[in-house]
């Protein structure tokens, strides 16, 4: 049996892996890699969107700085 004949089995296995392993806490992303510029774009966008969803904030500044000495 040639590899082409097993294509549907491969697709089902990939779908099972991505469905069962990707979670809300640790999502998997399928990144196309046949064009480097597009791969880089997809990865960059995914990182930016993930960081934006984290809604990170700088900590509040320390108000009492009277005891700090700069030499």
Protein backbone atom coordinates (compact mmCIF):
# COMPACT_ATOMS: atom_id res chain seq x y z
CA UNK A 1 0.00 0.00 0.00
CA UNK A 2 1.49 3.36 -1.01
CA UNK A 3 1.73 6.35 1.27
CA UNK A 4 -0.89 8.19 -0.79
CA UNK A 5 -3.43 5.52 0.10
CA UNK A 6 -2.88 6.31 3.80
CA UNK A 7 -3.56 10.06 3.41
CA UNK A 8 -7.00 9.92 5.09
CA UNK A 9 -5.49 8.04 8.04
CA UNK A 10 -2.81 10.72 8.40
CA UNK A 11 -5.39 13.50 8.32
CA UNK A 12 -7.50 11.78 10.99
CA UNK A 13 -4.43 11.28 13.18
CA UNK A 14 -3.43 14.96 12.85
CA UNK A 15 -6.98 16.09 13.66
CA UNK A 16 -7.07 13.86 16.74
CA UNK A 17 -3.71 15.19 17.94
CA UNK A 18 -4.67 18.85 17.54
CA UNK A 19 -8.14 18.36 19.01
CA UNK A 20 -6.97 16.46 22.08
CA UNK A 21 -3.71 18.30 22.79
CA UNK A 22 -4.72 21.92 22.23
CA UNK A 23 -6.28 23.46 25.34
CA UNK A 24 -7.40 26.94 26.35
CA UNK A 25 -4.35 27.21 28.63
CA UNK A 26 -1.93 25.91 26.00
CA UNK A 27 -3.39 26.24 22.51
CA UNK A 28 -1.67 24.74 19.50
CA UNK A 29 -1.39 26.72 16.29
CA UNK A 30 -0.89 25.30 12.83
CA UNK A 31 1.70 27.42 11.05
CA UNK A 32 2.17 27.06 7.31
CA UNK A 33 5.87 26.84 6.50
CA UNK A 34 6.06 26.71 2.72
CA UNK A 35 6.71 30.49 2.51
CA UNK A 36 9.11 31.90 5.11
CA UNK A 37 7.67 35.41 5.02
CA UNK A 38 4.14 34.11 5.60
CA UNK A 39 5.31 31.73 8.35
CA UNK A 40 6.99 34.68 10.09
CA UNK A 41 3.87 36.82 9.71
CA UNK A 42 1.62 34.15 11.23
CA UNK A 43 3.98 33.57 14.15
CA UNK A 44 4.40 37.31 14.79
CA UNK A 45 0.66 37.94 14.71
CA UNK A 46 0.03 35.03 17.07
CA UNK A 47 2.59 36.33 19.56
CA UNK A 48 1.25 39.91 19.43
CA UNK A 49 -2.37 38.79 19.85
CA UNK A 50 -1.43 36.54 22.77
CA UNK A 51 0.47 39.33 24.53
CA UNK A 52 -2.40 41.77 23.99
CA UNK A 53 -4.88 39.31 25.55
CA UNK A 54 -2.67 39.12 28.66
CA UNK A 55 -3.51 42.78 29.31
CA UNK A 56 -0.16 43.36 31.02
CA UNK A 57 0.30 46.47 33.16
CA UNK A 58 3.32 48.13 34.73
CA UNK A 59 3.35 47.81 38.52
CA UNK A 60 2.39 50.85 40.55
CA UNK A 61 5.42 52.94 41.44
CA UNK A 62 6.80 52.97 44.96
CA UNK A 63 5.78 56.25 46.53
CA UNK A 64 8.26 56.43 49.41
CA UNK A 65 11.69 56.99 47.84
CA UNK A 66 13.13 59.18 50.62
CA UNK A 67 15.57 56.49 51.81
CA UNK A 68 17.17 55.89 48.42
CA UNK A 69 20.69 57.28 48.10
CA UNK A 70 22.37 57.69 44.73
CA UNK A 71 26.15 57.94 44.98
